[in-house]
Amino acid sequence: MPTYTIGAEQIPSQSHIAIENNDGTITAKHAKITVINQTELWIEDNKSTNGTFVNGMRIKAIAVKRGDIVQLAQHNITPNISKIFDNNVIIIGEAFKKHIESLTKIHMNYQQNMIKIKRDHAIKTNGIRTVISLIFAGGSYAVSKQFGVTNALGSVATILGGTIGYLISSKEIPDEKINILNKKFQQEYTCPACKASLGQTVPKFLEQNGHGCTRFRPF
């Protein structure tokens, strides 16, 4: 079971939670916390001077549930306790399936929006090409009618118009739209347990194999 110390000591460690304390009321390793399961933690005062409190009562050791108010001396550390709960959530079985359903919707929405961006760009591109081609075709017709230019020259003008229209309109899809869509997708398409990005891994693969996180798996 994961075990942490918590207190004013600022030395980085995966097993220690550092609390900023400017008044000296929290000791270096003020208390010890052990994860019992997903819904309970065991918190034990580490012989501190100013005490550890749960829901207003000074304690030596007690089981803590999500939502309990925890203090070191007079400092509320409930947000830190909530993070410990979050970091030790295990999602398997039916809960795993429900999260896969949510991730599938996110992935489908991303794909549909990407298709829409590309389709809208294609429509706009084809529209520009058509308009410019028509302008050149109309101009060549007027010139040939007034000055007797041959049909061949008119055709050349039409082709030239189409080529110019293609060059003007054949820009890549605007990066801004793609970047916004990708950023939103990366923020939403994450492991519900460890919060890591799932990249482009398709939901069907996740459903069968997970993504390597031991706290988010089919069974």
N, C-alpha and C. Protein backbone atom coordinates (compact mmCIF):
# COMPACT_ATOMS: atom_id res chain seq x y z
N MET A 1 0.84 -1.20 0.00
CA MET A 1 0.00 0.00 0.00
C MET A 1 0.88 1.25 0.00
N PRO A 2 0.60 2.23 -0.86
CA PRO A 2 1.40 3.46 -0.90
C PRO A 2 1.38 4.19 0.43
N THR A 3 2.54 4.66 0.84
CA THR A 3 2.67 5.40 2.09
C THR A 3 3.41 6.70 1.84
N TYR A 4 2.95 7.78 2.47
CA TYR A 4 3.55 9.10 2.29
C TYR A 4 3.79 9.75 3.65
N THR A 5 4.81 10.60 3.71
CA THR A 5 4.91 11.54 4.83
C THR A 5 4.46 12.89 4.29
N ILE A 6 3.99 13.74 5.19
CA ILE A 6 3.53 15.06 4.77
C ILE A 6 3.97 16.08 5.81
N GLY A 7 4.53 17.18 5.34
CA GLY A 7 5.01 18.19 6.27
C GLY A 7 5.75 19.31 5.58
N ALA A 8 6.51 20.09 6.37
CA ALA A 8 7.14 21.30 5.86
C ALA A 8 8.45 21.03 5.13
N GLU A 9 8.99 19.82 5.23
CA GLU A 9 10.22 19.50 4.52
C GLU A 9 10.01 19.66 3.01
N GLN A 10 10.93 20.39 2.37
CA GLN A 10 10.76 20.74 0.96
C GLN A 10 11.62 19.89 0.02
N ILE A 11 12.26 18.85 0.52
CA ILE A 11 13.08 17.99 -0.32
C ILE A 11 12.16 17.17 -1.24
N PRO A 12 12.35 17.27 -2.57
CA PRO A 12 11.48 16.53 -3.50
C PRO A 12 11.57 15.03 -3.29
N SER A 13 10.41 14.38 -3.23
CA SER A 13 10.37 12.93 -3.06
C SER A 13 8.99 12.43 -3.45
N GLN A 14 8.94 11.27 -4.09
CA GLN A 14 7.66 10.68 -4.46
C GLN A 14 6.88 10.20 -3.24
N SER A 15 7.58 10.00 -2.14
CA SER A 15 6.91 9.50 -0.94
C SER A 15 6.70 10.58 0.11
N HIS A 16 6.97 11.84 -0.26
CA HIS A 16 6.77 12.95 0.68
C HIS A 16 5.97 14.08 0.02
N ILE A 17 5.01 14.61 0.73
CA ILE A 17 4.20 15.73 0.24
C ILE A 17 4.62 16.98 0.99
N ALA A 18 5.21 17.92 0.26
CA ALA A 18 5.73 19.14 0.88
C ALA A 18 4.61 20.18 1.03
N ILE A 19 4.50 20.75 2.22
CA ILE A 19 3.52 21.79 2.50
C ILE A 19 4.25 23.09 2.80
N GLU A 20 3.92 24.16 2.07
CA GLU A 20 4.53 25.46 2.34
C GLU A 20 4.03 25.96 3.69
N ASN A 21 4.96 26.35 4.54
CA ASN A 21 4.60 26.76 5.89
C ASN A 21 5.54 27.88 6.34
N ASN A 22 4.97 29.08 6.47
CA ASN A 22 5.79 30.24 6.81
C ASN A 22 5.79 30.57 8.30
N ASP A 23 4.91 29.95 9.08
CA ASP A 23 4.84 30.31 10.50
C ASP A 23 5.48 29.27 11.42
N GLY A 24 6.04 28.21 10.82
CA GLY A 24 6.76 27.24 11.62
C GLY A 24 5.90 26.29 12.45
N THR A 25 4.60 26.27 12.19
CA THR A 25 3.71 25.42 13.00
C THR A 25 3.66 23.98 12.49
N ILE A 26 4.10 23.76 11.25
CA ILE A 26 4.13 22.40 10.69
C ILE A 26 5.55 21.88 10.75
N THR A 27 5.73 20.69 11.25
CA THR A 27 7.06 20.09 11.33
C THR A 27 7.46 19.46 10.00
N ALA A 28 8.72 19.06 9.90
CA ALA A 28 9.27 18.56 8.64
C ALA A 28 8.48 17.39 8.08
N LYS A 29 8.24 16.40 8.92
CA LYS A 29 7.41 15.25 8.54
C LYS A 29 6.31 15.12 9.60
N HIS A 30 5.34 15.99 9.44
CA HIS A 30 4.31 16.21 10.45
C HIS A 30 3.42 14.99 10.67
N ALA A 31 3.09 14.30 9.57
CA ALA A 31 2.18 13.16 9.67
C ALA A 31 2.53 12.11 8.63
N LYS A 32 1.98 10.93 8.82
CA LYS A 32 2.19 9.83 7.91
C LYS A 32 0.84 9.39 7.35
N ILE A 33 0.79 9.15 6.05
CA ILE A 33 -0.47 8.77 5.39
C ILE A 33 -0.27 7.46 4.64
N THR A 34 -1.16 6.52 4.86
CA THR A 34 -1.13 5.24 4.17
C THR A 34 -2.43 5.04 3.42
N VAL A 35 -2.34 4.66 2.15
CA VAL A 35 -3.53 4.40 1.35
C VAL A 35 -4.07 3.02 1.72
N ILE A 36 -5.31 2.97 2.24
CA ILE A 36 -5.93 1.70 2.58
C ILE A 36 -6.59 1.10 1.34
N ASN A 37 -7.42 1.91 0.70
CA ASN A 37 -8.09 1.52 -0.54
C ASN A 37 -8.51 2.79 -1.27
N GLN A 38 -9.38 2.67 -2.25
CA GLN A 38 -9.78 3.83 -3.05
C GLN A 38 -10.62 4.83 -2.27
N THR A 39 -11.19 4.41 -1.16
CA THR A 39 -12.11 5.29 -0.42
C THR A 39 -11.59 5.70 0.95
N GLU A 40 -10.48 5.11 1.40
CA GLU A 40 -9.98 5.41 2.74
C GLU A 40 -8.46 5.56 2.77
N LEU A 41 -8.02 6.52 3.59
CA LEU A 41 -6.61 6.70 3.90
C LEU A 41 -6.44 6.58 5.41
N TRP A 42 -5.29 6.15 5.84
CA TRP A 42 -4.97 6.10 7.26
C TRP A 42 -3.96 7.20 7.54
N ILE A 43 -4.33 8.16 8.39
CA ILE A 43 -3.43 9.26 8.71
C ILE A 43 -3.01 9.17 10.16
N GLU A 44 -1.73 9.34 10.39
CA GLU A 44 -1.15 9.17 11.72
C GLU A 44 -0.26 10.37 12.05
N ASP A 45 -0.53 11.02 13.17
CA ASP A 45 0.30 12.14 13.60
C ASP A 45 1.69 11.63 13.96
N ASN A 46 2.72 12.36 13.51
CA ASN A 46 4.11 11.91 13.71
C ASN A 46 4.75 12.66 14.88
N LYS A 47 4.07 12.59 16.03
CA LYS A 47 4.57 13.23 17.27
C LYS A 47 4.83 14.72 17.06
N SER A 48 3.92 15.36 16.33
CA SER A 48 4.08 16.79 16.05
C SER A 48 3.75 17.62 17.29
N THR A 49 4.27 18.86 17.31
CA THR A 49 4.01 19.76 18.43
C THR A 49 2.60 20.33 18.39
N ASN A 50 2.15 20.69 17.19
CA ASN A 50 0.87 21.42 17.06
C ASN A 50 -0.29 20.55 16.59
N GLY A 51 -0.04 19.27 16.42
CA GLY A 51 -1.13 18.34 16.20
C GLY A 51 -1.64 18.19 14.78
N THR A 52 -2.35 17.09 14.58
CA THR A 52 -3.05 16.79 13.32
C THR A 52 -4.53 16.66 13.65
N PHE A 53 -5.37 17.27 12.80
CA PHE A 53 -6.80 17.35 13.08
C PHE A 53 -7.61 16.81 11.91
N VAL A 54 -8.67 16.08 12.23
CA VAL A 54 -9.61 15.60 11.22
C VAL A 54 -11.00 16.01 11.65
N ASN A 55 -11.65 16.79 10.82
CA ASN A 55 -12.99 17.33 11.11
C ASN A 55 -13.03 18.04 12.46
N GLY A 56 -11.95 18.79 12.75
CA GLY A 56 -11.91 19.60 13.96
C GLY A 56 -11.40 18.90 15.21
N MET A 57 -11.18 17.60 15.14
CA MET A 57 -10.73 16.85 16.31
C MET A 57 -9.26 16.47 16.16
N ARG A 58 -8.49 16.70 17.24
CA ARG A 58 -7.08 16.32 17.22
C ARG A 58 -6.99 14.81 17.30
N ILE A 59 -6.14 14.23 16.46
CA ILE A 59 -6.07 12.76 16.40
C ILE A 59 -4.62 12.28 16.54
N LYS A 60 -4.49 11.03 16.92
CA LYS A 60 -3.20 10.35 16.86
C LYS A 60 -3.12 9.52 15.58
N ALA A 61 -4.21 8.82 15.29
CA ALA A 61 -4.31 8.04 14.06
C ALA A 61 -5.78 7.76 13.79
N ILE A 62 -6.17 7.84 12.52
CA ILE A 62 -7.59 7.65 12.17
C ILE A 62 -7.72 7.40 10.67
N ALA A 63 -8.78 6.69 10.30
CA ALA A 63 -9.11 6.51 8.88
C ALA A 63 -9.79 7.75 8.35
N VAL A 64 -9.38 8.18 7.17
CA VAL A 64 -9.92 9.39 6.56
C VAL A 64 -10.60 9.03 5.25
N LYS A 65 -11.78 9.60 5.01
CA LYS A 65 -12.50 9.41 3.76
C LYS A 65 -12.49 10.70 2.96
N ARG A 66 -12.76 10.56 1.66
CA ARG A 66 -12.82 11.75 0.80
C ARG A 66 -13.90 12.69 1.34
N GLY A 67 -13.56 13.95 1.47
CA GLY A 67 -14.50 14.93 2.00
C GLY A 67 -14.23 15.32 3.43
N ASP A 68 -13.46 14.50 4.17
CA ASP A 68 -13.09 14.86 5.54
C ASP A 68 -12.15 16.07 5.51
N ILE A 69 -12.26 16.94 6.52
CA ILE A 69 -11.40 18.12 6.61
C ILE A 69 -10.17 17.76 7.43
N VAL A 70 -9.00 17.87 6.81
CA VAL A 70 -7.75 17.48 7.47
C VAL A 70 -6.87 18.72 7.63
N GLN A 71 -6.31 18.88 8.83
CA GLN A 71 -5.44 20.00 9.11
C GLN A 71 -4.14 19.53 9.76
N LEU A 72 -3.06 20.20 9.39
CA LEU A 72 -1.80 20.09 10.13
C LEU A 72 -1.66 21.40 10.87
N ALA A 73 -1.67 21.33 12.21
CA ALA A 73 -1.79 22.55 13.03
C ALA A 73 -3.06 23.27 12.58
N GLN A 74 -2.95 24.55 12.20
CA GLN A 74 -4.16 25.26 11.75
C GLN A 74 -4.27 25.31 10.23
N HIS A 75 -3.41 24.60 9.53
CA HIS A 75 -3.38 24.66 8.07
C HIS A 75 -4.21 23.53 7.44
N ASN A 76 -5.16 23.93 6.60
CA ASN A 76 -6.04 22.98 5.92
C ASN A 76 -5.29 22.31 4.77
N ILE A 77 -5.15 21.00 4.82
CA ILE A 77 -4.47 20.26 3.74
C ILE A 77 -5.44 19.34 3.00
N THR A 78 -6.73 19.60 3.13
CA THR A 78 -7.74 18.77 2.47
C THR A 78 -7.49 18.64 0.96
N PRO A 79 -7.11 19.73 0.23
CA PRO A 79 -6.82 19.57 -1.20
C PRO A 79 -5.70 18.57 -1.46
N ASN A 80 -4.69 18.53 -0.60
CA ASN A 80 -3.60 17.57 -0.75
C ASN A 80 -4.09 16.14 -0.54
N ILE A 81 -5.00 15.98 0.41
CA ILE A 81 -5.59 14.67 0.67
C ILE A 81 -6.41 14.21 -0.54
N SER A 82 -7.15 15.14 -1.14
CA SER A 82 -7.95 14.81 -2.33
C SER A 82 -7.06 14.32 -3.47
N LYS A 83 -5.88 14.95 -3.62
CA LYS A 83 -4.96 14.53 -4.68
C LYS A 83 -4.46 13.11 -4.45
N ILE A 84 -4.25 12.76 -3.18
CA ILE A 84 -3.81 11.39 -2.88
C ILE A 84 -4.89 10.40 -3.31
N PHE A 85 -6.15 10.74 -3.00
CA PHE A 85 -7.26 9.88 -3.44
C PHE A 85 -7.26 9.76 -4.96
N ASP A 86 -7.13 10.91 -5.64
CA ASP A 86 -7.16 10.91 -7.11
C ASP A 86 -6.03 10.08 -7.69
N ASN A 87 -4.86 10.17 -7.09
CA ASN A 87 -3.68 9.48 -7.61
C ASN A 87 -3.69 7.98 -7.33
N ASN A 88 -4.65 7.52 -6.56
CA ASN A 88 -4.71 6.10 -6.23
C ASN A 88 -6.03 5.45 -6.65
N VAL A 89 -6.76 6.13 -7.52
CA VAL A 89 -7.99 5.57 -8.05
C VAL A 89 -7.67 4.40 -8.98
N ILE A 90 -8.41 3.31 -8.82
CA ILE A 90 -8.27 2.15 -9.71
C ILE A 90 -9.58 1.97 -10.46
N ILE A 91 -9.51 2.00 -11.77
CA ILE A 91 -10.73 1.91 -12.60
C ILE A 91 -10.69 0.62 -13.40
N ILE A 92 -11.53 -0.32 -13.01
CA ILE A 92 -11.61 -1.61 -13.70
C ILE A 92 -13.07 -2.03 -13.82
N GLY A 93 -13.33 -3.11 -14.53
CA GLY A 93 -14.68 -3.67 -14.62
C GLY A 93 -15.69 -2.72 -15.25
N GLU A 94 -16.85 -2.55 -14.62
CA GLU A 94 -17.93 -1.73 -15.16
C GLU A 94 -17.52 -0.27 -15.25
N ALA A 95 -16.78 0.21 -14.26
CA ALA A 95 -16.31 1.59 -14.29
C ALA A 95 -15.40 1.82 -15.49
N PHE A 96 -14.57 0.85 -15.81
CA PHE A 96 -13.69 0.92 -16.97
C PHE A 96 -14.52 1.04 -18.25
N LYS A 97 -15.57 0.22 -18.36
CA LYS A 97 -16.42 0.22 -19.56
C LYS A 97 -17.10 1.58 -19.76
N LYS A 98 -17.56 2.19 -18.65
CA LYS A 98 -18.23 3.49 -18.75
C LYS A 98 -17.26 4.57 -19.23
N HIS A 99 -16.04 4.51 -18.73
CA HIS A 99 -15.05 5.49 -19.17
C HIS A 99 -14.67 5.27 -20.64
N ILE A 100 -14.63 4.01 -21.07
CA ILE A 100 -14.35 3.72 -22.48
C ILE A 100 -15.44 4.31 -23.36
N GLU A 101 -16.70 4.24 -22.92
CA GLU A 101 -17.81 4.84 -23.68
C GLU A 101 -17.61 6.34 -23.82
N SER A 102 -17.21 7.00 -22.74
CA SER A 102 -16.97 8.45 -22.79
C SER A 102 -15.80 8.78 -23.71
N LEU A 103 -14.74 7.99 -23.63
CA LEU A 103 -13.57 8.22 -24.48
C LEU A 103 -13.90 7.97 -25.95
N THR A 104 -14.78 7.01 -26.21
CA THR A 104 -15.21 6.73 -27.59
C THR A 104 -15.93 7.93 -28.18
N LYS A 105 -16.79 8.56 -27.39
CA LYS A 105 -17.51 9.76 -27.86
C LYS A 105 -16.53 10.90 -28.15
N ILE A 106 -15.56 11.08 -27.27
CA ILE A 106 -14.56 12.13 -27.48
C ILE A 106 -13.78 11.88 -28.77
N HIS A 107 -13.39 10.63 -28.99
CA HIS A 107 -12.61 10.26 -30.17
C HIS A 107 -13.43 10.44 -31.45
N MET A 108 -14.70 10.05 -31.41
CA MET A 108 -15.59 10.19 -32.57
C MET A 108 -15.83 11.66 -32.90
N ASN A 109 -16.06 12.48 -31.87
CA ASN A 109 -16.27 13.91 -32.09
C ASN A 109 -15.04 14.55 -32.72
N TYR A 110 -13.86 14.12 -32.27
CA TYR A 110 -12.62 14.64 -32.83
C TYR A 110 -12.52 14.30 -34.32
N GLN A 111 -12.79 13.05 -34.67
CA GLN A 111 -12.70 12.62 -36.06
C GLN A 111 -13.72 13.35 -36.94
N GLN A 112 -14.94 13.50 -36.42
CA GLN A 112 -15.99 14.18 -37.18
C GLN A 112 -15.64 15.64 -37.41
N ASN A 113 -15.10 16.29 -36.39
CA ASN A 113 -14.73 17.70 -36.53
C ASN A 113 -13.56 17.87 -37.50
N MET A 114 -12.63 16.91 -37.48
CA MET A 114 -11.51 16.97 -38.41
C MET A 114 -12.00 16.82 -39.85
N ILE A 115 -12.93 15.90 -40.07
CA ILE A 115 -13.52 15.70 -41.40
C ILE A 115 -14.24 16.97 -41.86
N LYS A 116 -14.95 17.61 -40.94
CA LYS A 116 -15.69 18.83 -41.27
C LYS A 116 -14.74 19.95 -41.68
N ILE A 117 -13.66 20.10 -40.94
CA ILE A 117 -12.67 21.14 -41.28
C ILE A 117 -12.12 20.91 -42.69
N LYS A 118 -11.78 19.66 -42.99
CA LYS A 118 -11.22 19.34 -44.31
C LYS A 118 -12.27 19.52 -45.41
N ARG A 119 -13.53 19.12 -45.11
CA ARG A 119 -14.60 19.27 -46.11
C ARG A 119 -14.87 20.74 -46.40
N ASP A 120 -14.96 21.55 -45.35
CA ASP A 120 -15.22 22.99 -45.53
C ASP A 120 -14.08 23.64 -46.31
N HIS A 121 -12.86 23.20 -46.04
CA HIS A 121 -11.72 23.75 -46.77
C HIS A 121 -11.79 23.37 -48.25
N ALA A 122 -12.19 22.12 -48.52
CA ALA A 122 -12.31 21.65 -49.91
C ALA A 122 -13.39 22.43 -50.65
N ILE A 123 -14.52 22.67 -49.99
CA ILE A 123 -15.62 23.42 -50.62
C ILE A 123 -15.17 24.84 -50.94
N LYS A 124 -14.47 25.46 -49.97
CA LYS A 124 -13.98 26.83 -50.18
C LYS A 124 -12.97 26.86 -51.31
N THR A 125 -12.07 25.87 -51.32
CA THR A 125 -11.05 25.79 -52.36
C THR A 125 -11.66 25.65 -53.75
N ASN A 126 -12.60 24.73 -53.89
CA ASN A 126 -13.25 24.51 -55.19
C ASN A 126 -14.03 25.73 -55.63
N GLY A 127 -14.61 26.43 -54.66
CA GLY A 127 -15.38 27.64 -54.98
C GLY A 127 -14.49 28.72 -55.55
N ILE A 128 -13.31 28.91 -54.95
CA ILE A 128 -12.38 29.93 -55.44
C ILE A 128 -11.91 29.59 -56.85
N ARG A 129 -11.58 28.32 -57.07
CA ARG A 129 -11.13 27.90 -58.40
C ARG A 129 -12.20 28.16 -59.45
N THR A 130 -13.44 27.82 -59.11
CA THR A 130 -14.54 27.99 -60.06
C THR A 130 -14.76 29.45 -60.40
N VAL A 131 -14.75 30.32 -59.39
CA VAL A 131 -14.99 31.74 -59.61
C VAL A 131 -13.92 32.34 -60.51
N ILE A 132 -12.65 32.04 -60.20
CA ILE A 132 -11.56 32.62 -61.00
C ILE A 132 -11.60 32.08 -62.44
N SER A 133 -11.92 30.80 -62.59
CA SER A 133 -12.04 30.23 -63.93
C SER A 133 -13.14 30.91 -64.72
N LEU A 134 -14.28 31.17 -64.07
CA LEU A 134 -15.39 31.83 -64.74
C LEU A 134 -15.05 33.26 -65.13
N ILE A 135 -14.27 33.94 -64.26
CA ILE A 135 -13.87 35.31 -64.58
C ILE A 135 -13.00 35.34 -65.83
N PHE A 136 -12.04 34.40 -65.88
CA PHE A 136 -11.17 34.35 -67.05
C PHE A 136 -11.94 33.91 -68.29
N ALA A 137 -12.86 32.98 -68.11
CA ALA A 137 -13.65 32.52 -69.26
C ALA A 137 -14.51 33.65 -69.80
N GLY A 138 -15.14 34.41 -68.88
CA GLY A 138 -15.96 35.54 -69.32
C GLY A 138 -15.13 36.61 -70.00
N GLY A 139 -13.93 36.85 -69.45
CA GLY A 139 -13.05 37.86 -70.06
C GLY A 139 -12.60 37.44 -71.44
N SER A 140 -12.25 36.16 -71.59
CA SER A 140 -11.78 35.69 -72.90
C SER A 140 -12.90 35.75 -73.93
N TYR A 141 -14.13 35.49 -73.47
CA TYR A 141 -15.27 35.55 -74.40
C TYR A 141 -15.48 36.99 -74.87
N ALA A 142 -15.38 37.93 -73.94
CA ALA A 142 -15.59 39.35 -74.30
C ALA A 142 -14.51 39.82 -75.27
N VAL A 143 -13.25 39.40 -74.99
CA VAL A 143 -12.16 39.81 -75.87
C VAL A 143 -12.32 39.21 -77.26
N SER A 144 -12.68 37.93 -77.32
CA SER A 144 -12.81 37.27 -78.62
C SER A 144 -13.97 37.86 -79.41
N LYS A 145 -15.01 38.29 -78.72
CA LYS A 145 -16.17 38.85 -79.41
C LYS A 145 -15.86 40.22 -79.96
N GLN A 146 -15.10 41.01 -79.20
CA GLN A 146 -14.82 42.37 -79.62
C GLN A 146 -13.69 42.45 -80.64
N PHE A 147 -12.66 41.59 -80.43
CA PHE A 147 -11.48 41.70 -81.28
C PHE A 147 -11.30 40.51 -82.22
N GLY A 148 -12.24 39.57 -82.15
CA GLY A 148 -12.16 38.43 -83.06
C GLY A 148 -11.06 37.46 -82.72
N VAL A 149 -10.70 37.35 -81.42
CA VAL A 149 -9.66 36.40 -81.01
C VAL A 149 -10.19 34.99 -81.21
N THR A 150 -9.32 34.09 -81.59
CA THR A 150 -9.74 32.73 -81.89
C THR A 150 -10.21 32.00 -80.65
N ASN A 151 -10.99 30.97 -80.91
CA ASN A 151 -11.47 30.12 -79.80
C ASN A 151 -10.31 29.47 -79.05
N ALA A 152 -9.25 29.14 -79.79
CA ALA A 152 -8.11 28.50 -79.16
C ALA A 152 -7.50 29.40 -78.09
N LEU A 153 -7.38 30.70 -78.43
CA LEU A 153 -6.82 31.64 -77.46
C LEU A 153 -7.75 31.80 -76.27
N GLY A 154 -9.04 31.77 -76.55
CA GLY A 154 -10.02 31.85 -75.46
C GLY A 154 -9.90 30.66 -74.53
N SER A 155 -9.67 29.50 -75.12
CA SER A 155 -9.51 28.28 -74.31
C SER A 155 -8.27 28.37 -73.43
N VAL A 156 -7.20 28.94 -74.03
CA VAL A 156 -5.96 29.11 -73.26
C VAL A 156 -6.21 30.02 -72.06
N ALA A 157 -6.98 31.07 -72.26
CA ALA A 157 -7.29 32.00 -71.18
C ALA A 157 -8.09 31.30 -70.08
N THR A 158 -9.01 30.45 -70.51
CA THR A 158 -9.82 29.70 -69.54
C THR A 158 -8.95 28.76 -68.71
N ILE A 159 -8.06 28.06 -69.40
CA ILE A 159 -7.13 27.14 -68.71
C ILE A 159 -6.23 27.92 -67.76
N LEU A 160 -5.76 29.07 -68.20
CA LEU A 160 -4.91 29.91 -67.37
C LEU A 160 -5.66 30.35 -66.11
N GLY A 161 -6.93 30.69 -66.31
CA GLY A 161 -7.75 31.10 -65.16
C GLY A 161 -7.89 29.97 -64.15
N GLY A 162 -8.12 28.77 -64.67
CA GLY A 162 -8.25 27.61 -63.78
C GLY A 162 -6.97 27.35 -63.02
N THR A 163 -5.82 27.51 -63.73
CA THR A 163 -4.53 27.27 -63.09
C THR A 163 -4.26 28.29 -62.00
N ILE A 164 -4.52 29.54 -62.27
CA ILE A 164 -4.33 30.59 -61.26
C ILE A 164 -5.25 30.35 -60.07
N GLY A 165 -6.49 29.98 -60.38
CA GLY A 165 -7.44 29.68 -59.30
C GLY A 165 -6.95 28.55 -58.41
N TYR A 166 -6.36 27.54 -59.03
CA TYR A 166 -5.83 26.40 -58.27
C TYR A 166 -4.67 26.84 -57.38
N LEU A 167 -3.76 27.64 -57.94
CA LEU A 167 -2.60 28.08 -57.17
C LEU A 167 -3.01 28.95 -55.99
N ILE A 168 -3.99 29.81 -56.19
CA ILE A 168 -4.45 30.69 -55.11
C ILE A 168 -5.15 29.91 -54.01
N SER A 169 -5.93 28.91 -54.43
CA SER A 169 -6.80 28.23 -53.47
C SER A 169 -6.19 26.97 -52.87
N SER A 170 -5.02 26.55 -53.38
CA SER A 170 -4.49 25.26 -52.94
C SER A 170 -3.61 25.37 -51.70
N LYS A 171 -3.93 26.30 -50.83
CA LYS A 171 -3.20 26.41 -49.57
C LYS A 171 -3.62 25.27 -48.65
N GLU A 172 -2.75 24.93 -47.71
CA GLU A 172 -3.07 23.88 -46.75
C GLU A 172 -4.19 24.34 -45.81
N ILE A 173 -4.80 23.38 -45.15
CA ILE A 173 -5.84 23.71 -44.19
C ILE A 173 -5.24 24.62 -43.12
N PRO A 174 -5.94 25.69 -42.73
CA PRO A 174 -5.40 26.63 -41.75
C PRO A 174 -4.92 25.92 -40.48
N ASP A 175 -3.66 26.19 -40.12
CA ASP A 175 -3.07 25.55 -38.95
C ASP A 175 -3.84 25.87 -37.67
N GLU A 176 -4.38 27.07 -37.57
CA GLU A 176 -5.04 27.52 -36.35
C GLU A 176 -6.20 26.60 -35.98
N LYS A 177 -7.03 26.27 -36.95
CA LYS A 177 -8.19 25.41 -36.68
C LYS A 177 -7.75 24.02 -36.26
N ILE A 178 -6.75 23.49 -36.95
CA ILE A 178 -6.24 22.15 -36.62
C ILE A 178 -5.62 22.16 -35.23
N ASN A 179 -4.85 23.20 -34.92
CA ASN A 179 -4.18 23.29 -33.62
C ASN A 179 -5.18 23.38 -32.47
N ILE A 180 -6.22 24.16 -32.66
CA ILE A 180 -7.25 24.30 -31.63
C ILE A 180 -7.95 22.96 -31.40
N LEU A 181 -8.28 22.28 -32.50
CA LEU A 181 -8.96 20.99 -32.39
C LEU A 181 -8.05 19.96 -31.71
N ASN A 182 -6.78 19.92 -32.10
CA ASN A 182 -5.85 18.96 -31.51
C ASN A 182 -5.61 19.24 -30.03
N LYS A 183 -5.50 20.51 -29.67
CA LYS A 183 -5.27 20.87 -28.27
C LYS A 183 -6.44 20.45 -27.40
N LYS A 184 -7.66 20.71 -27.87
CA LYS A 184 -8.85 20.32 -27.12
C LYS A 184 -8.92 18.80 -26.97
N PHE A 185 -8.59 18.10 -28.06
CA PHE A 185 -8.63 16.63 -28.03
C PHE A 185 -7.62 16.07 -27.03
N GLN A 186 -6.41 16.62 -27.02
CA GLN A 186 -5.38 16.15 -26.11
C GLN A 186 -5.75 16.39 -24.66
N GLN A 187 -6.47 17.48 -24.39
CA GLN A 187 -6.89 17.79 -23.03
C GLN A 187 -8.00 16.85 -22.56
N GLU A 188 -8.86 16.44 -23.48
CA GLU A 188 -10.02 15.62 -23.11
C GLU A 188 -9.73 14.12 -23.20
N TYR A 189 -8.89 13.73 -24.15
CA TYR A 189 -8.65 12.31 -24.40
C TYR A 189 -7.48 11.83 -23.55
N THR A 190 -7.74 11.68 -22.26
CA THR A 190 -6.71 11.30 -21.30
C THR A 190 -7.18 10.13 -20.44
N CYS A 191 -6.22 9.44 -19.85
CA CYS A 191 -6.54 8.34 -18.94
C CYS A 191 -7.24 8.91 -17.71
N PRO A 192 -8.41 8.43 -17.35
CA PRO A 192 -9.14 8.96 -16.19
C PRO A 192 -8.46 8.66 -14.86
N ALA A 193 -7.49 7.76 -14.87
CA ALA A 193 -6.79 7.42 -13.62
C ALA A 193 -5.50 8.21 -13.46
N CYS A 194 -4.60 8.09 -14.43
CA CYS A 194 -3.29 8.75 -14.31
C CYS A 194 -3.22 10.09 -15.04
N LYS A 195 -4.26 10.43 -15.82
CA LYS A 195 -4.37 11.70 -16.55
C LYS A 195 -3.38 11.83 -17.71
N ALA A 196 -2.71 10.75 -18.07
CA ALA A 196 -1.77 10.80 -19.20
C ALA A 196 -2.54 10.88 -20.52
N SER A 197 -1.95 11.55 -21.51
CA SER A 197 -2.57 11.64 -22.83
C SER A 197 -2.62 10.25 -23.47
N LEU A 198 -3.74 9.97 -24.14
CA LEU A 198 -3.89 8.68 -24.82
C LEU A 198 -3.48 8.77 -26.29
N GLY A 199 -3.00 9.95 -26.70
CA GLY A 199 -2.53 10.13 -28.07
C GLY A 199 -3.61 9.83 -29.08
N GLN A 200 -3.29 9.01 -30.07
CA GLN A 200 -4.24 8.63 -31.11
C GLN A 200 -4.69 7.18 -30.95
N THR A 201 -4.46 6.59 -29.78
CA THR A 201 -4.87 5.21 -29.54
C THR A 201 -6.37 5.10 -29.66
N VAL A 202 -6.85 4.20 -30.51
CA VAL A 202 -8.29 4.09 -30.74
C VAL A 202 -8.96 3.42 -29.54
N PRO A 203 -10.20 3.82 -29.21
CA PRO A 203 -10.91 3.28 -28.05
C PRO A 203 -11.02 1.76 -28.04
N LYS A 204 -11.17 1.15 -29.24
CA LYS A 204 -11.31 -0.31 -29.29
C LYS A 204 -10.06 -0.99 -28.76
N PHE A 205 -8.91 -0.44 -29.08
CA PHE A 205 -7.65 -1.00 -28.57
C PHE A 205 -7.57 -0.81 -27.06
N LEU A 206 -7.97 0.38 -26.57
CA LEU A 206 -7.96 0.64 -25.13
C LEU A 206 -8.87 -0.34 -24.40
N GLU A 207 -10.03 -0.60 -25.00
CA GLU A 207 -11.02 -1.49 -24.37
C GLU A 207 -10.44 -2.89 -24.18
N GLN A 208 -9.64 -3.33 -25.11
CA GLN A 208 -9.10 -4.69 -25.07
C GLN A 208 -7.76 -4.78 -24.32
N ASN A 209 -6.99 -3.70 -24.37
CA ASN A 209 -5.62 -3.79 -23.85
C ASN A 209 -5.26 -2.74 -22.80
N GLY A 210 -6.09 -1.71 -22.63
CA GLY A 210 -5.68 -0.62 -21.78
C GLY A 210 -4.58 0.18 -22.46
N HIS A 211 -3.83 0.97 -21.69
CA HIS A 211 -2.73 1.73 -22.33
C HIS A 211 -1.45 1.67 -21.49
N GLY A 212 -1.37 0.70 -20.61
CA GLY A 212 -0.17 0.54 -19.80
C GLY A 212 -0.31 1.05 -18.38
N CYS A 213 -1.38 1.80 -18.11
CA CYS A 213 -1.64 2.29 -16.76
C CYS A 213 -2.24 1.15 -15.92
N THR A 214 -1.61 0.85 -14.81
CA THR A 214 -2.08 -0.26 -13.97
C THR A 214 -3.37 0.08 -13.22
N ARG A 215 -3.74 1.37 -13.24
CA ARG A 215 -4.96 1.77 -12.52
C ARG A 215 -6.17 1.98 -13.44
N PHE A 216 -5.95 1.77 -14.74
CA PHE A 216 -7.05 1.87 -15.72
C PHE A 216 -6.92 0.70 -16.67
N ARG A 217 -7.66 -0.34 -16.41
CA ARG A 217 -7.49 -1.58 -17.17
C ARG A 217 -8.82 -2.36 -17.21
N PRO A 218 -8.97 -3.25 -18.19
CA PRO A 218 -10.23 -3.99 -18.33
C PRO A 218 -10.56 -4.85 -17.11
N PHE A 219 -9.55 -5.45 -16.48
CA PHE A 219 -9.79 -6.34 -15.33
C PHE A 219 -8.55 -6.38 -14.45
